[in-house]
Protein backbone atom coordinates (compact mmCIF):
# COMPACT_ATOMS: atom_id res chain seq x y z
CA UNK A 1 0.00 0.06 0.05
CA UNK A 2 2.91 2.28 0.85
CA UNK A 3 4.49 1.62 -2.51
CA UNK A 4 1.14 2.41 -4.46
CA UNK A 5 0.60 5.56 -2.35
CA UNK A 6 4.11 6.69 -3.50
CA UNK A 7 2.81 6.33 -7.10
CA UNK A 8 4.53 3.07 -8.16
CA UNK A 9 2.35 1.32 -10.70
CA UNK A 10 0.32 -1.60 -9.59
CA UNK A 11 1.80 -3.80 -12.28
CA UNK A 12 5.37 -3.43 -10.89
CA UNK A 13 4.07 -4.20 -7.42
CA UNK A 14 2.38 -7.29 -8.55
CA UNK A 15 4.99 -8.18 -11.11
CA UNK A 16 2.47 -9.07 -13.86
CA UNK A 17 0.48 -7.55 -16.60
CA UNK A 18 -2.07 -9.01 -19.05
CA UNK A 19 -1.52 -8.50 -22.67
CA UNK A 20 -3.44 -10.14 -25.60
CA UNK A 21 -5.05 -12.65 -23.14
CA UNK A 22 -1.66 -13.66 -21.67
CA UNK A 23 -0.01 -12.76 -18.38
CA UNK A 24 3.47 -11.37 -18.68
CA UNK A 25 6.05 -10.66 -15.92
CA UNK A 26 6.95 -6.98 -15.75
CA UNK A 27 9.65 -5.18 -13.76
CA UNK A 28 10.85 -1.50 -13.71
CA UNK A 29 13.19 -2.41 -16.42
CA UNK A 30 10.46 -2.77 -18.94
CA UNK A 31 7.41 -0.66 -20.16
CA UNK A 32 4.24 -1.88 -18.93
CA UNK A 33 2.31 -3.50 -21.87
CA UNK A 34 -0.84 -1.55 -22.93
CA UNK A 35 -4.11 -2.61 -24.90
CA UNK A 36 -3.09 -0.20 -27.62
CA UNK A 37 -0.07 -2.04 -28.44
CA UNK A 38 -2.20 -5.22 -29.05
CA UNK A 39 -2.96 -3.55 -32.42
CA UNK A 40 0.52 -4.53 -33.56
CA UNK A 41 -0.31 -8.22 -32.96
CA UNK A 42 -3.99 -8.13 -34.37
CA UNK A 43 -2.96 -6.37 -37.50
CA UNK A 44 -0.03 -8.68 -38.11
CA UNK A 45 -2.39 -11.83 -37.84
CA UNK A 46 -4.98 -10.17 -40.13
CA UNK A 47 -2.32 -9.34 -42.90
CA UNK A 48 -0.97 -12.81 -42.75
CA UNK A 49 -4.36 -14.27 -42.80
CA UNK A 50 -5.52 -12.27 -45.78
CA UNK A 51 -2.35 -12.16 -47.79
CA UNK A 52 -0.54 -15.33 -46.72
CA UNK A 53 3.30 -15.48 -46.75
CA UNK A 54 5.67 -16.61 -49.36
CA UNK A 55 8.58 -18.76 -47.92
CA UNK A 56 9.57 -19.12 -44.17
CA UNK A 57 7.55 -16.77 -41.80
CA UNK A 58 10.11 -14.48 -40.02
CA UNK A 59 9.11 -11.72 -37.72
CA UNK A 60 11.24 -9.16 -36.01
CA UNK A 61 10.31 -7.09 -32.97
CA UNK A 62 12.54 -4.01 -32.54
CA UNK A 63 12.83 -2.56 -29.05
CA UNK A 64 10.96 -5.53 -27.46
CA UNK A 65 10.89 -4.60 -23.79
CA UNK A 66 8.85 -7.28 -21.74
CA UNK A 67 8.76 -9.46 -24.95
CA UNK A 68 5.04 -9.28 -25.07
CA UNK A 69 4.80 -8.71 -28.71
CA UNK A 70 6.85 -11.47 -30.09
CA UNK A 71 5.59 -13.96 -27.55
CA UNK A 72 1.96 -13.08 -28.41
CA UNK A 73 2.82 -13.52 -32.10
CA UNK A 74 4.63 -16.84 -31.71
CA UNK A 75 1.71 -18.17 -29.63
CA UNK A 76 -0.69 -17.18 -32.50
CA UNK A 77 1.58 -18.52 -35.34
CA UNK A 78 3.30 -21.68 -34.37
CA UNK A 79 5.09 -21.78 -37.71
CA UNK A 80 6.81 -18.48 -37.19
CA UNK A 81 10.51 -17.87 -36.32
CA UNK A 82 11.05 -14.66 -34.48
CA UNK A 83 13.98 -12.33 -33.64
CA UNK A 84 13.78 -9.62 -30.85
CA UNK A 85 16.17 -6.82 -29.97
CA UNK A 86 16.45 -4.30 -27.16
CA UNK A 87 19.08 -1.88 -26.03
CA UNK A 88 18.67 -3.02 -22.46
CA UNK A 89 20.00 -6.25 -21.12
CA UNK A 90 17.74 -6.05 -17.95
CA UNK A 91 14.72 -5.76 -20.43
CA UNK A 92 15.93 -8.82 -22.36
CA UNK A 93 16.26 -10.79 -19.23
CA UNK A 94 12.48 -10.11 -18.62
CA UNK A 95 11.64 -11.02 -22.33
CA UNK A 96 13.37 -14.23 -22.02
CA UNK A 97 11.65 -15.10 -18.86
CA UNK A 98 8.20 -14.54 -20.56
CA UNK A 99 9.40 -16.55 -23.68
CA UNK A 100 10.07 -19.49 -21.51
CA UNK A 101 6.90 -18.98 -19.39
CA UNK A 102 4.80 -19.35 -22.49
CA UNK A 103 6.76 -22.05 -24.14
CA UNK A 104 8.04 -20.21 -27.20
CA UNK A 105 11.69 -19.56 -26.24
CA UNK A 106 12.84 -21.96 -28.78
CA UNK A 107 11.38 -19.85 -31.64
CA UNK A 108 12.43 -16.48 -30.40
CA UNK A 109 16.06 -15.26 -30.80
CA UNK A 110 16.75 -12.35 -28.37
CA UNK A 111 19.64 -9.97 -29.07
CA UNK A 112 21.00 -7.00 -27.33
CA UNK A 113 21.82 -3.78 -29.19
CA UNK A 114 20.42 -0.65 -30.70
CA UNK A 115 17.42 -1.30 -33.29
CA UNK A 116 18.57 -3.64 -36.06
CA UNK A 117 22.29 -3.60 -35.20
CA UNK A 118 22.26 -7.02 -33.45
CA UNK A 119 20.87 -8.64 -36.58
CA UNK A 120 23.49 -7.29 -38.99
CA UNK A 121 25.93 -9.83 -40.41
CA UNK A 122 23.71 -12.68 -39.82
CA UNK A 123 22.19 -13.10 -43.16
CA UNK A 124 18.93 -11.71 -42.08
CA UNK A 125 18.69 -8.75 -44.61
CA UNK A 126 15.69 -9.03 -46.92
CA UNK A 127 14.23 -12.02 -45.11
CA UNK A 128 11.61 -10.71 -42.65
CA UNK A 129 7.87 -11.03 -43.50
CA UNK A 130 6.88 -8.41 -40.77
CA UNK A 131 8.96 -6.14 -38.83
CA UNK A 132 7.07 -4.81 -35.72
CA UNK A 133 7.96 -2.11 -33.16
CA UNK A 134 6.61 -0.11 -30.32
CA UNK A 135 9.34 2.52 -30.06
CA UNK A 136 9.37 5.53 -27.69
CA UNK A 137 7.16 8.43 -29.01
CA UNK A 138 6.64 10.79 -26.06
CA UNK A 139 7.80 14.33 -27.17
CA UNK A 140 10.18 16.35 -25.05
CA UNK A 141 7.22 18.78 -24.39
CA UNK A 142 4.83 16.06 -23.16
CA UNK A 143 7.10 14.19 -21.03
CA UNK A 144 7.14 16.41 -17.92
CA UNK A 145 3.38 16.32 -17.96
CA UNK A 146 2.80 12.50 -17.93
CA UNK A 147 1.06 10.85 -15.14
CA UNK A 148 3.66 10.26 -12.22
CA UNK A 149 3.23 6.40 -12.39
CA UNK A 150 4.47 6.74 -15.90
CA UNK A 151 6.96 9.69 -15.72
CA UNK A 152 8.83 8.63 -12.44
CA UNK A 153 8.62 4.73 -12.68
CA UNK A 154 8.62 3.35 -16.16
CA UNK A 155 11.90 3.42 -18.08
CA UNK A 156 12.66 6.83 -19.73
CA UNK A 157 14.48 4.88 -22.56
CA UNK A 158 11.14 3.23 -23.71
CA UNK A 159 9.18 6.46 -23.52
CA UNK A 160 11.14 9.54 -24.73
CA UNK A 161 10.92 10.08 -28.33
CA UNK A 162 12.81 13.43 -28.73
CA UNK A 163 11.42 16.79 -29.95
CA UNK A 164 8.64 15.41 -32.12
CA UNK A 165 8.48 11.99 -30.68
CA UNK A 166 9.80 10.43 -33.86
CA UNK A 167 13.47 10.31 -33.05
CA UNK A 168 13.58 6.49 -33.26
CA UNK A 169 11.05 6.16 -35.96
CA UNK A 170 13.23 7.73 -38.53
CA UNK A 171 16.01 5.21 -38.38
CA UNK A 172 13.56 2.47 -37.90
CA UNK A 173 11.79 3.47 -41.24
CA UNK A 174 15.08 3.28 -43.12
CA UNK A 175 16.42 0.13 -41.53
CA UNK A 176 13.05 -1.88 -41.64
CA UNK A 177 13.03 -1.56 -45.39
CA UNK A 178 16.56 -3.17 -45.66
CA UNK A 179 15.54 -6.15 -43.51
CA UNK A 180 12.16 -6.75 -44.97
CA UNK A 181 11.63 -9.05 -47.79
CA UNK A 182 9.89 -7.70 -50.94
CA UNK A 183 6.19 -7.08 -50.18
CA UNK A 184 6.89 -7.36 -46.50
CA UNK A 185 5.10 -5.20 -43.82
CA UNK A 186 6.50 -2.69 -41.32
CA UNK A 187 4.23 -1.96 -38.44
CA UNK A 188 4.94 0.51 -35.94
CA UNK A 189 3.13 2.26 -32.91
CA UNK A 190 2.88 6.08 -32.90
CA UNK A 191 1.54 8.80 -30.56
CA UNK A 192 -1.37 11.01 -31.07
CA UNK A 193 -1.07 13.11 -34.37
CA UNK A 194 2.22 11.43 -35.31
CA UNK A 195 0.70 8.99 -37.98
CA UNK A 196 0.43 11.58 -40.65
CA UNK A 197 4.10 12.87 -40.23
CA UNK A 198 5.33 9.21 -40.30
CA UNK A 199 3.28 8.58 -43.56
CA UNK A 200 4.97 11.79 -45.11
CA UNK A 201 8.43 10.48 -43.95
CA UNK A 202 7.67 7.02 -45.69
CA UNK A 203 6.51 8.87 -48.83
CA UNK A 204 9.66 10.86 -48.98
CA UNK A 205 11.73 7.51 -48.56
CA UNK A 206 9.93 6.22 -51.58
CA UNK A 207 10.65 2.65 -50.64
CA UNK A 208 7.03 1.67 -49.41
CA UNK A 209 4.01 1.23 -51.37
CA UNK A 210 0.62 0.24 -49.87
CA UNK A 211 -0.14 1.78 -46.42
CA UNK A 212 -2.72 1.79 -43.60
CA UNK A 213 -3.44 3.11 -40.21
CA UNK A 214 -5.14 1.23 -37.36
CA UNK A 215 -6.89 3.22 -34.61
CA UNK A 216 -6.93 2.18 -31.09
CA UNK A 217 -9.83 1.86 -28.61
CA UNK A 218 -10.01 5.62 -28.17
CA UNK A 219 -10.10 6.27 -31.81
CA UNK A 220 -6.51 7.52 -32.01
CA UNK A 221 -4.32 6.69 -35.04
CA UNK A 222 -2.08 4.18 -33.31
CA UNK A 223 -0.41 1.69 -35.68
CA UNK A 224 0.95 2.70 -39.13
CA UNK A 225 1.25 -0.24 -41.53
CA UNK A 226 3.87 0.20 -44.51
CA UNK A 227 4.36 -2.46 -47.27
CA UNK A 228 7.74 -2.74 -48.89
CA UNK A 229 7.30 -2.23 -52.55
CA UNK A 230 7.15 -4.90 -55.14
CA UNK A 231 4.06 -7.07 -54.10
CA UNK A 232 0.62 -5.86 -54.73
CA UNK A 233 -1.19 -7.18 -51.47
CA UNK A 234 -2.54 -4.01 -49.55
CA UNK A 235 -2.62 -3.30 -45.91
């Protein structure tokens, strides 16, 4: 009770949080999974169900945190092989625990490092069917005004996205294209009002074709879906 009165999130006190119908261990080293992020999993399953996959089904989650995204995808797609990266070794310990907990550790390769750096030199360029990411997107202006449960307790590394909230999205946009197979999808979470700007950045890149936006439960544009040019399937 004292910890809760001090503002510590209940999820850290209890050590668990539900995501996509599964329970996950959470610690102060990882962002607490949120319902909005479930859109990444749902949209991945919809795209693959409607469009199928040519060749082996390979999925990457960049900035995995608790591992909730790749674990949920692995549980839903038994044939998928997944790779997950994170800059935090402490976060990866939590993610590995969750993968073991849910019986999918043998299909998820966890690697420490910034964005796609841990995947380079492993023959993975141009192989991923889907690249997923929930990067930090809180702007410098918004950060001081976050609820204290978030601002003072959740890892800043997983929250702060720079001046416009897209500091991590920019390199992600460029690097995801390099690792996607032709016709593969890049699905990324964004903050309020950032979807249009990310679409403009993608258009300027000229490397993505079909695109779409998924709204969250509050009607906010939350997941941006971009398809690497070549295939005709649409998001």
